[in-house]
């Protein structure tokens, strides 16, 4: 299992990440990748960070683990939570700690 870090995503803002949904594959666009504040803990594998993705569907997807892929990052499972709605769709967040 690959340990994902902020560095995997920081240079990929506005890139499309394809999510495997029950009815087919769908594009999610990475709109933010930022570090989260945290004190160093012995044995800590990575610094915590947050990702925000935009999906331009009026259909709300539930929070759960989705299989995602991007040519630069590869294939990985990610827990997405819907956190906001805008005029163009929904924003989903993933937090790594």
PDB file of N, CA and C in Angstrom:
ATOM      1  N   UNK A   1       0.844  -1.180   0.000  1.00  0.00           N
ATOM      2  CA  UNK A   1       0.000   0.000   0.000  1.00  0.00           C
ATOM      3  C   UNK A   1       0.889   1.242   0.000  1.00  0.00           C
ATOM      4  N   UNK A   2       0.594   2.160  -0.886  1.00  0.00           N
ATOM      5  CA  UNK A   2       1.360   3.392  -1.020  1.00  0.00           C
ATOM      6  C   UNK A   2       0.938   4.395   0.056  1.00  0.00           C
ATOM      7  N   UNK A   3       1.926   5.007   0.717  1.00  0.00           N
ATOM      8  CA  UNK A   3       1.632   6.066   1.683  1.00  0.00           C
ATOM      9  C   UNK A   3       1.615   7.380   0.910  1.00  0.00           C
ATOM     10  N   UNK A   4       0.436   7.965   0.764  1.00  0.00           N
ATOM     11  CA  UNK A   4       0.295   9.215   0.025  1.00  0.00           C
ATOM     12  C   UNK A   4       0.650  10.394   0.923  1.00  0.00           C
ATOM     13  N   UNK A   5       1.318  11.379   0.337  1.00  0.00           N
ATOM     14  CA  UNK A   5       1.702  12.591   1.055  1.00  0.00           C
ATOM     15  C   UNK A   5       1.215  13.806   0.286  1.00  0.00           C
ATOM     16  N   UNK A   6       1.309  14.948   0.911  1.00  0.00           N
ATOM     17  CA  UNK A   6       0.920  16.193   0.257  1.00  0.00           C
ATOM     18  C   UNK A   6       1.696  16.397  -1.035  1.00  0.00           C
ATOM     19  N   UNK A   7       2.944  15.967  -1.059  1.00  0.00           N
ATOM     20  CA  UNK A   7       3.780  16.149  -2.249  1.00  0.00           C
ATOM     21  C   UNK A   7       3.225  15.404  -3.465  1.00  0.00           C
ATOM     22  N   UNK A   8       2.487  14.331  -3.256  1.00  0.00           N
ATOM     23  CA  UNK A   8       1.861  13.617  -4.370  1.00  0.00           C
ATOM     24  C   UNK A   8       0.815  14.481  -5.072  1.00  0.00           C
ATOM     25  N   UNK A   9       0.212  15.431  -4.344  1.00  0.00           N
ATOM     26  CA  UNK A   9      -0.923  16.187  -4.862  1.00  0.00           C
ATOM     27  C   UNK A   9      -0.659  17.679  -5.082  1.00  0.00           C
ATOM     28  N   UNK A  10       0.311  18.245  -4.392  1.00  0.00           N
ATOM     29  CA  UNK A  10       0.507  19.703  -4.394  1.00  0.00           C
ATOM     30  C   UNK A  10       0.676  20.285  -5.799  1.00  0.00           C
ATOM     31  N   UNK A  11       1.334  19.604  -6.682  1.00  0.00           N
ATOM     32  CA  UNK A  11       1.539  20.102  -8.044  1.00  0.00           C
ATOM     33  C   UNK A  11       0.448  19.690  -9.009  1.00  0.00           C
ATOM     34  N   UNK A  12      -0.655  19.164  -8.506  1.00  0.00           N
ATOM     35  CA  UNK A  12      -1.703  18.638  -9.379  1.00  0.00           C
ATOM     36  C   UNK A  12      -3.040  19.391  -9.259  1.00  0.00           C
ATOM     37  N   UNK A  13      -2.978  20.621  -8.763  1.00  0.00           N
ATOM     38  CA  UNK A  13      -4.201  21.429  -8.663  1.00  0.00           C
ATOM     39  C   UNK A  13      -4.775  21.621 -10.068  1.00  0.00           C
ATOM     40  N   UNK A  14      -6.084  21.504 -10.187  1.00  0.00           N
ATOM     41  CA  UNK A  14      -6.849  21.596 -11.429  1.00  0.00           C
ATOM     42  C   UNK A  14      -6.692  20.380 -12.333  1.00  0.00           C
ATOM     43  N   UNK A  15      -6.042  19.337 -11.854  1.00  0.00           N
ATOM     44  CA  UNK A  15      -5.977  18.087 -12.616  1.00  0.00           C
ATOM     45  C   UNK A  15      -7.206  17.241 -12.311  1.00  0.00           C
ATOM     46  N   UNK A  16      -7.545  16.399 -13.265  1.00  0.00           N
ATOM     47  CA  UNK A  16      -8.682  15.499 -13.109  1.00  0.00           C
ATOM     48  C   UNK A  16      -8.235  14.174 -12.507  1.00  0.00           C
ATOM     49  N   UNK A  17      -9.002  13.726 -11.534  1.00  0.00           N
ATOM     50  CA  UNK A  17      -8.817  12.424 -10.906  1.00  0.00           C
ATOM     51  C   UNK A  17     -10.097  11.642 -11.208  1.00  0.00           C
ATOM     52  N   UNK A  18      -9.952  10.476 -11.775  1.00  0.00           N
ATOM     53  CA  UNK A  18     -11.105   9.675 -12.156  1.00  0.00           C
ATOM     54  C   UNK A  18     -11.515   8.771 -11.001  1.00  0.00           C
ATOM     55  N   UNK A  19     -12.791   8.817 -10.664  1.00  0.00           N
ATOM     56  CA  UNK A  19     -13.332   8.001  -9.576  1.00  0.00           C
ATOM     57  C   UNK A  19     -14.231   6.927 -10.183  1.00  0.00           C
ATOM     58  N   UNK A  20     -14.033   5.712  -9.714  1.00  0.00           N
ATOM     59  CA  UNK A  20     -14.841   4.582 -10.162  1.00  0.00           C
ATOM     60  C   UNK A  20     -16.131   4.557  -9.348  1.00  0.00           C
ATOM     61  N   UNK A  21     -17.228   4.989  -9.972  1.00  0.00           N
ATOM     62  CA  UNK A  21     -18.535   4.986  -9.318  1.00  0.00           C
ATOM     63  C   UNK A  21     -19.297   3.750  -9.741  1.00  0.00           C
ATOM     64  N   UNK A  22     -20.366   3.451  -9.052  1.00  0.00           N
ATOM     65  CA  UNK A  22     -21.150   2.260  -9.353  1.00  0.00           C
ATOM     66  C   UNK A  22     -21.662   2.250 -10.795  1.00  0.00           C
ATOM     67  N   UNK A  23     -21.925   3.417 -11.352  1.00  0.00           N
ATOM     68  CA  UNK A  23     -22.484   3.514 -12.703  1.00  0.00           C
ATOM     69  C   UNK A  23     -21.428   3.881 -13.754  1.00  0.00           C
ATOM     70  N   UNK A  24     -20.172   3.846 -13.410  1.00  0.00           N
ATOM     71  CA  UNK A  24     -19.094   4.157 -14.359  1.00  0.00           C
ATOM     72  C   UNK A  24     -18.071   5.075 -13.728  1.00  0.00           C
ATOM     73  N   UNK A  25     -17.163   5.550 -14.549  1.00  0.00           N
ATOM     74  CA  UNK A  25     -16.105   6.434 -14.058  1.00  0.00           C
ATOM     75  C   UNK A  25     -16.534   7.882 -14.206  1.00  0.00           C
ATOM     76  N   UNK A  26     -16.080   8.727 -13.261  1.00  0.00           N
ATOM     77  CA  UNK A  26     -16.502  10.118 -13.240  1.00  0.00           C
ATOM     78  C   UNK A  26     -15.330  11.008 -12.832  1.00  0.00           C
ATOM     79  N   UNK A  27     -15.218  12.206 -13.447  1.00  0.00           N
ATOM     80  CA  UNK A  27     -14.089  13.091 -13.148  1.00  0.00           C
ATOM     81  C   UNK A  27     -14.306  13.969 -11.916  1.00  0.00           C
ATOM     82  N   UNK A  28     -13.311  13.994 -11.047  1.00  0.00           N
ATOM     83  CA  UNK A  28     -13.250  14.897  -9.909  1.00  0.00           C
ATOM     84  C   UNK A  28     -12.004  15.752 -10.123  1.00  0.00           C
ATOM     85  N   UNK A  29     -12.133  17.052  -9.943  1.00  0.00           N
ATOM     86  CA  UNK A  29     -11.008  17.965 -10.157  1.00  0.00           C
ATOM     87  C   UNK A  29     -10.443  18.402  -8.808  1.00  0.00           C
ATOM     88  N   UNK A  30      -9.135  18.242  -8.650  1.00  0.00           N
ATOM     89  CA  UNK A  30      -8.473  18.670  -7.415  1.00  0.00           C
ATOM     90  C   UNK A  30      -8.405  20.197  -7.402  1.00  0.00           C
ATOM     91  N   UNK A  31      -9.029  20.821  -6.405  1.00  0.00           N
ATOM     92  CA  UNK A  31      -9.062  22.285  -6.338  1.00  0.00           C
ATOM     93  C   UNK A  31      -8.217  22.851  -5.198  1.00  0.00           C
ATOM     94  N   UNK A  32      -7.825  21.994  -4.244  1.00  0.00           N
ATOM     95  CA  UNK A  32      -6.985  22.468  -3.140  1.00  0.00           C
ATOM     96  C   UNK A  32      -6.235  21.297  -2.526  1.00  0.00           C
ATOM     97  N   UNK A  33      -4.975  21.541  -2.199  1.00  0.00           N
ATOM     98  CA  UNK A  33      -4.142  20.590  -1.458  1.00  0.00           C
ATOM     99  C   UNK A  33      -3.343  21.414  -0.466  1.00  0.00           C
ATOM    100  N   UNK A  34      -3.595  21.218   0.842  1.00  0.00           N
ATOM    101  CA  UNK A  34      -2.921  22.068   1.834  1.00  0.00           C
ATOM    102  C   UNK A  34      -2.532  21.261   3.065  1.00  0.00           C
ATOM    103  N   UNK A  35      -1.461  21.679   3.703  1.00  0.00           N
ATOM    104  CA  UNK A  35      -1.055  21.002   4.936  1.00  0.00           C
ATOM    105  C   UNK A  35      -2.009  21.357   6.077  1.00  0.00           C
ATOM    106  N   UNK A  36      -2.091  20.475   7.051  1.00  0.00           N
ATOM    107  CA  UNK A  36      -2.868  20.722   8.258  1.00  0.00           C
ATOM    108  C   UNK A  36      -1.907  20.878   9.430  1.00  0.00           C
ATOM    109  N   UNK A  37      -2.245  21.730  10.377  1.00  0.00           N
ATOM    110  CA  UNK A  37      -1.353  21.903  11.528  1.00  0.00           C
ATOM    111  C   UNK A  37      -1.331  20.646  12.390  1.00  0.00           C
ATOM    112  N   UNK A  38      -0.134  20.296  12.819  1.00  0.00           N
ATOM    113  CA  UNK A  38      -0.005  19.139  13.702  1.00  0.00           C
ATOM    114  C   UNK A  38       1.373  19.145  14.339  1.00  0.00           C
ATOM    115  N   UNK A  39       1.424  18.710  15.565  1.00  0.00           N
ATOM    116  CA  UNK A  39       2.698  18.541  16.250  1.00  0.00           C
ATOM    117  C   UNK A  39       3.306  17.208  15.816  1.00  0.00           C
ATOM    118  N   UNK A  40       4.599  17.181  15.696  1.00  0.00           N
ATOM    119  CA  UNK A  40       5.278  15.938  15.321  1.00  0.00           C
ATOM    120  C   UNK A  40       5.083  14.891  16.410  1.00  0.00           C
ATOM    121  N   UNK A  41       4.796  13.696  15.998  1.00  0.00           N
ATOM    122  CA  UNK A  41       4.587  12.577  16.906  1.00  0.00           C
ATOM    123  C   UNK A  41       5.596  11.491  16.526  1.00  0.00           C
ATOM    124  N   UNK A  42       6.281  10.902  17.496  1.00  0.00           N
ATOM    125  CA  UNK A  42       7.226   9.839  17.165  1.00  0.00           C
ATOM    126  C   UNK A  42       6.547   8.728  16.351  1.00  0.00           C
ATOM    127  N   UNK A  43       7.196   8.323  15.275  1.00  0.00           N
ATOM    128  CA  UNK A  43       6.649   7.280  14.423  1.00  0.00           C
ATOM    129  C   UNK A  43       5.671   7.776  13.378  1.00  0.00           C
ATOM    130  N   UNK A  44       5.454   9.075  13.319  1.00  0.00           N
ATOM    131  CA  UNK A  44       4.532   9.654  12.350  1.00  0.00           C
ATOM    132  C   UNK A  44       5.036   9.372  10.934  1.00  0.00           C
ATOM    133  N   UNK A  45       4.185   8.800  10.091  1.00  0.00           N
ATOM    134  CA  UNK A  45       4.579   8.394   8.748  1.00  0.00           C
ATOM    135  C   UNK A  45       4.517   9.560   7.764  1.00  0.00           C
ATOM    136  N   UNK A  46       3.576  10.472   7.963  1.00  0.00           N
ATOM    137  CA  UNK A  46       3.425  11.619   7.058  1.00  0.00           C
ATOM    138  C   UNK A  46       2.847  12.796   7.830  1.00  0.00           C
ATOM    139  N   UNK A  47       3.089  13.968   7.304  1.00  0.00           N
ATOM    140  CA  UNK A  47       2.469  15.174   7.857  1.00  0.00           C
ATOM    141  C   UNK A  47       1.011  15.208   7.396  1.00  0.00           C
ATOM    142  N   UNK A  48       0.088  15.602   8.247  1.00  0.00           N
ATOM    143  CA  UNK A  48      -1.328  15.630   7.860  1.00  0.00           C
ATOM    144  C   UNK A  48      -1.603  16.693   6.796  1.00  0.00           C
ATOM    145  N   UNK A  49      -2.589  16.384   5.938  1.00  0.00           N
ATOM    146  CA  UNK A  49      -2.974  17.321   4.881  1.00  0.00           C
ATOM    147  C   UNK A  49      -4.419  17.097   4.472  1.00  0.00           C
ATOM    148  N   UNK A  50      -4.944  18.073   3.744  1.00  0.00           N
ATOM    149  CA  UNK A  50      -6.327  18.051   3.290  1.00  0.00           C
ATOM    150  C   UNK A  50      -6.367  18.243   1.777  1.00  0.00           C
ATOM    151  N   UNK A  51      -7.297  17.559   1.135  1.00  0.00           N
ATOM    152  CA  UNK A  51      -7.536  17.725  -0.298  1.00  0.00           C
ATOM    153  C   UNK A  51      -8.994  18.095  -0.509  1.00  0.00           C
ATOM    154  N   UNK A  52      -9.245  18.995  -1.440  1.00  0.00           N
ATOM    155  CA  UNK A  52     -10.608  19.322  -1.855  1.00  0.00           C
ATOM    156  C   UNK A  52     -10.747  19.019  -3.341  1.00  0.00           C
ATOM    157  N   UNK A  53     -11.815  18.301  -3.670  1.00  0.00           N
ATOM    158  CA  UNK A  53     -12.120  17.964  -5.055  1.00  0.00           C
ATOM    159  C   UNK A  53     -13.471  18.546  -5.425  1.00  0.00           C
ATOM    160  N   UNK A  54     -13.609  18.971  -6.677  1.00  0.00           N
ATOM    161  CA  UNK A  54     -14.899  19.456  -7.183  1.00  0.00           C
ATOM    162  C   UNK A  54     -15.441  18.435  -8.171  1.00  0.00           C
ATOM    163  N   UNK A  55     -16.742  18.159  -8.049  1.00  0.00           N
ATOM    164  CA  UNK A  55     -17.428  17.308  -9.021  1.00  0.00           C
ATOM    165  C   UNK A  55     -18.622  18.084  -9.538  1.00  0.00           C
ATOM    166  N   UNK A  56     -18.735  18.190 -10.851  1.00  0.00           N
ATOM    167  CA  UNK A  56     -19.749  19.060 -11.452  1.00  0.00           C
ATOM    168  C   UNK A  56     -21.072  18.357 -11.724  1.00  0.00           C
ATOM    169  N   UNK A  57     -21.533  17.569 -10.786  1.00  0.00           N
ATOM    170  CA  UNK A  57     -22.819  16.900 -10.910  1.00  0.00           C
ATOM    171  C   UNK A  57     -23.776  17.449  -9.863  1.00  0.00           C
ATOM    172  N   UNK A  58     -25.044  17.517 -10.226  1.00  0.00           N
ATOM    173  CA  UNK A  58     -26.065  17.925  -9.259  1.00  0.00           C
ATOM    174  C   UNK A  58     -26.387  16.772  -8.308  1.00  0.00           C
ATOM    175  N   UNK A  59     -25.877  15.587  -8.626  1.00  0.00           N
ATOM    176  CA  UNK A  59     -26.085  14.404  -7.809  1.00  0.00           C
ATOM    177  C   UNK A  59     -25.049  14.360  -6.692  1.00  0.00           C
ATOM    178  N   UNK A  60     -25.503  14.245  -5.452  1.00  0.00           N
ATOM    179  CA  UNK A  60     -24.610  14.183  -4.293  1.00  0.00           C
ATOM    180  C   UNK A  60     -24.180  12.741  -4.060  1.00  0.00           C
ATOM    181  N   UNK A  61     -22.860  12.523  -3.977  1.00  0.00           N
ATOM    182  CA  UNK A  61     -22.335  11.198  -3.680  1.00  0.00           C
ATOM    183  C   UNK A  61     -22.106  11.096  -2.173  1.00  0.00           C
ATOM    184  N   UNK A  62     -22.441   9.962  -1.563  1.00  0.00           N
ATOM    185  CA  UNK A  62     -22.297   9.822  -0.111  1.00  0.00           C
ATOM    186  C   UNK A  62     -20.835   9.701   0.303  1.00  0.00           C
ATOM    187  N   UNK A  63     -20.573  10.008   1.572  1.00  0.00           N
ATOM    188  CA  UNK A  63     -19.214   9.813   2.084  1.00  0.00           C
ATOM    189  C   UNK A  63     -18.916   8.325   2.131  1.00  0.00           C
ATOM    190  N   UNK A  64     -17.751   7.973   1.610  1.00  0.00           N
ATOM    191  CA  UNK A  64     -17.304   6.588   1.598  1.00  0.00           C
ATOM    192  C   UNK A  64     -15.933   6.514   0.936  1.00  0.00           C
ATOM    193  N   UNK A  65     -15.361   5.332   0.890  1.00  0.00           N
ATOM    194  CA  UNK A  65     -14.103   5.128   0.192  1.00  0.00           C
ATOM    195  C   UNK A  65     -14.407   4.916  -1.288  1.00  0.00           C
ATOM    196  N   UNK A  66     -13.734   5.688  -2.124  1.00  0.00           N
ATOM    197  CA  UNK A  66     -13.858   5.579  -3.571  1.00  0.00           C
ATOM    198  C   UNK A  66     -12.500   5.174  -4.155  1.00  0.00           C
ATOM    199  N   UNK A  67     -12.537   4.404  -5.229  1.00  0.00           N
ATOM    200  CA  UNK A  67     -11.306   4.071  -5.938  1.00  0.00           C
ATOM    201  C   UNK A  67     -11.034   5.196  -6.930  1.00  0.00           C
ATOM    202  N   UNK A  68      -9.854   5.804  -6.824  1.00  0.00           N
ATOM    203  CA  UNK A  68      -9.516   6.981  -7.622  1.00  0.00           C
ATOM    204  C   UNK A  68      -8.231   6.709  -8.391  1.00  0.00           C
ATOM    205  N   UNK A  69      -8.104   7.365  -9.546  1.00  0.00           N
ATOM    206  CA  UNK A  69      -6.856   7.236 -10.296  1.00  0.00           C
ATOM    207  C   UNK A  69      -6.503   8.550 -10.980  1.00  0.00           C
ATOM    208  N   UNK A  70      -5.201   8.737 -11.124  1.00  0.00           N
ATOM    209  CA  UNK A  70      -4.640   9.899 -11.813  1.00  0.00           C
ATOM    210  C   UNK A  70      -3.330   9.416 -12.424  1.00  0.00           C
ATOM    211  N   UNK A  71      -3.021   9.805 -13.670  1.00  0.00           N
ATOM    212  CA  UNK A  71      -1.794   9.320 -14.304  1.00  0.00           C
ATOM    213  C   UNK A  71      -0.525   9.602 -13.489  1.00  0.00           C
ATOM    214  N   UNK A  72      -0.455  10.724 -12.797  1.00  0.00           N
ATOM    215  CA  UNK A  72       0.736  11.070 -12.037  1.00  0.00           C
ATOM    216  C   UNK A  72       0.810  10.451 -10.657  1.00  0.00           C
ATOM    217  N   UNK A  73      -0.340  10.124 -10.073  1.00  0.00           N
ATOM    218  CA  UNK A  73      -0.381   9.589  -8.708  1.00  0.00           C
ATOM    219  C   UNK A  73      -0.602   8.077  -8.717  1.00  0.00           C
ATOM    220  N   UNK A  74      -1.353   7.586  -9.687  1.00  0.00           N
ATOM    221  CA  UNK A  74      -1.668   6.167  -9.762  1.00  0.00           C
ATOM    222  C   UNK A  74      -3.065   5.872  -9.249  1.00  0.00           C
ATOM    223  N   UNK A  75      -3.303   4.619  -8.876  1.00  0.00           N
ATOM    224  CA  UNK A  75      -4.601   4.164  -8.360  1.00  0.00           C
ATOM    225  C   UNK A  75      -4.529   4.068  -6.845  1.00  0.00           C
ATOM    226  N   UNK A  76      -5.592   4.527  -6.181  1.00  0.00           N
ATOM    227  CA  UNK A  76      -5.615   4.477  -4.725  1.00  0.00           C
ATOM    228  C   UNK A  76      -7.051   4.609  -4.238  1.00  0.00           C
ATOM    229  N   UNK A  77      -7.312   4.114  -3.036  1.00  0.00           N
ATOM    230  CA  UNK A  77      -8.597   4.302  -2.391  1.00  0.00           C
ATOM    231  C   UNK A  77      -8.559   5.583  -1.579  1.00  0.00           C
ATOM    232  N   UNK A  78      -9.656   6.324  -1.590  1.00  0.00           N
ATOM    233  CA  UNK A  78      -9.699   7.607  -0.881  1.00  0.00           C
ATOM    234  C   UNK A  78     -11.082   7.774  -0.246  1.00  0.00           C
ATOM    235  N   UNK A  79     -11.098   8.218   1.010  1.00  0.00           N
ATOM    236  CA  UNK A  79     -12.354   8.468   1.716  1.00  0.00           C
ATOM    237  C   UNK A  79     -12.758   9.904   1.445  1.00  0.00           C
ATOM    238  N   UNK A  80     -13.842  10.097   0.690  1.00  0.00           N
ATOM    239  CA  UNK A  80     -14.337  11.432   0.341  1.00  0.00           C
ATOM    240  C   UNK A  80     -15.606  11.746   1.128  1.00  0.00           C
ATOM    241  N   UNK A  81     -15.674  12.985   1.586  1.00  0.00           N
ATOM    242  CA  UNK A  81     -16.832  13.482   2.330  1.00  0.00           C
ATOM    243  C   UNK A  81     -17.343  14.740   1.630  1.00  0.00           C
ATOM    244  N   UNK A  82     -18.637  14.794   1.293  1.00  0.00           N
ATOM    245  CA  UNK A  82     -19.163  16.035   0.722  1.00  0.00           C
ATOM    246  C   UNK A  82     -19.172  17.120   1.793  1.00  0.00           C
ATOM    247  N   UNK A  83     -18.613  18.303   1.465  1.00  0.00           N
ATOM    248  CA  UNK A  83     -18.516  19.369   2.468  1.00  0.00           C
ATOM    249  C   UNK A  83     -19.174  20.673   2.033  1.00  0.00           C
ATOM    250  N   UNK A  84     -19.479  20.828   0.746  1.00  0.00           N
ATOM    251  CA  UNK A  84     -20.087  22.077   0.287  1.00  0.00           C
ATOM    252  C   UNK A  84     -20.749  21.856  -1.069  1.00  0.00           C
ATOM    253  N   UNK A  85     -21.656  22.747  -1.364  1.00  0.00           N
ATOM    254  CA  UNK A  85     -22.306  22.757  -2.679  1.00  0.00           C
ATOM    255  C   UNK A  85     -22.110  24.140  -3.270  1.00  0.00           C
ATOM    256  N   UNK A  86     -21.864  24.187  -4.563  1.00  0.00           N
ATOM    257  CA  UNK A  86     -21.821  25.475  -5.256  1.00  0.00           C
ATOM    258  C   UNK A  86     -22.703  25.389  -6.489  1.00  0.00           C
ATOM    259  N   UNK A  87     -22.722  26.440  -7.274  1.00  0.00           N
ATOM    260  CA  UNK A  87     -23.625  26.460  -8.427  1.00  0.00           C
ATOM    261  C   UNK A  87     -23.251  25.432  -9.490  1.00  0.00           C
ATOM    262  N   UNK A  88     -22.020  24.917  -9.426  1.00  0.00           N
ATOM    263  CA  UNK A  88     -21.550  23.976 -10.442  1.00  0.00           C
ATOM    264  C   UNK A  88     -21.479  22.531  -9.963  1.00  0.00           C
ATOM    265  N   UNK A  89     -21.837  22.247  -8.728  1.00  0.00           N
ATOM    266  CA  UNK A  89     -21.766  20.876  -8.230  1.00  0.00           C
ATOM    267  C   UNK A  89     -21.450  20.825  -6.752  1.00  0.00           C
ATOM    268  N   UNK A  90     -20.617  19.861  -6.371  1.00  0.00           N
ATOM    269  CA  UNK A  90     -20.283  19.644  -4.968  1.00  0.00           C
ATOM    270  C   UNK A  90     -18.779  19.618  -4.757  1.00  0.00           C
ATOM    271  N   UNK A  91     -18.376  19.986  -3.531  1.00  0.00           N
ATOM    272  CA  UNK A  91     -16.983  19.908  -3.102  1.00  0.00           C
ATOM    273  C   UNK A  91     -16.865  18.732  -2.137  1.00  0.00           C
ATOM    274  N   UNK A  92     -15.845  17.912  -2.330  1.00  0.00           N
ATOM    275  CA  UNK A  92     -15.586  16.752  -1.495  1.00  0.00           C
ATOM    276  C   UNK A  92     -14.208  16.886  -0.862  1.00  0.00           C
ATOM    277  N   UNK A  93     -14.092  16.479   0.394  1.00  0.00           N
ATOM    278  CA  UNK A  93     -12.821  16.606   1.119  1.00  0.00           C
ATOM    279  C   UNK A  93     -12.294  15.237   1.518  1.00  0.00           C
ATOM    280  N   UNK A  94     -10.976  15.150   1.467  1.00  0.00           N
ATOM    281  CA  UNK A  94     -10.263  13.979   2.009  1.00  0.00           C
ATOM    282  C   UNK A  94      -9.208  14.513   2.963  1.00  0.00           C
ATOM    283  N   UNK A  95      -9.131  13.932   4.146  1.00  0.00           N
ATOM    284  CA  UNK A  95      -8.132  14.348   5.136  1.00  0.00           C
ATOM    285  C   UNK A  95      -7.220  13.163   5.414  1.00  0.00           C
ATOM    286  N   UNK A  96      -5.921  13.427   5.360  1.00  0.00           N
ATOM    287  CA  UNK A  96      -4.906  12.416   5.641  1.00  0.00           C
ATOM    288  C   UNK A  96      -4.196  12.833   6.912  1.00  0.00           C
ATOM    289  N   UNK A  97      -4.136  11.941   7.889  1.00  0.00           N
ATOM    290  CA  UNK A  97      -3.431  12.271   9.120  1.00  0.00           C
ATOM    291  C   UNK A  97      -2.601  11.107   9.596  1.00  0.00           C
TER     292      UNK A  97
END
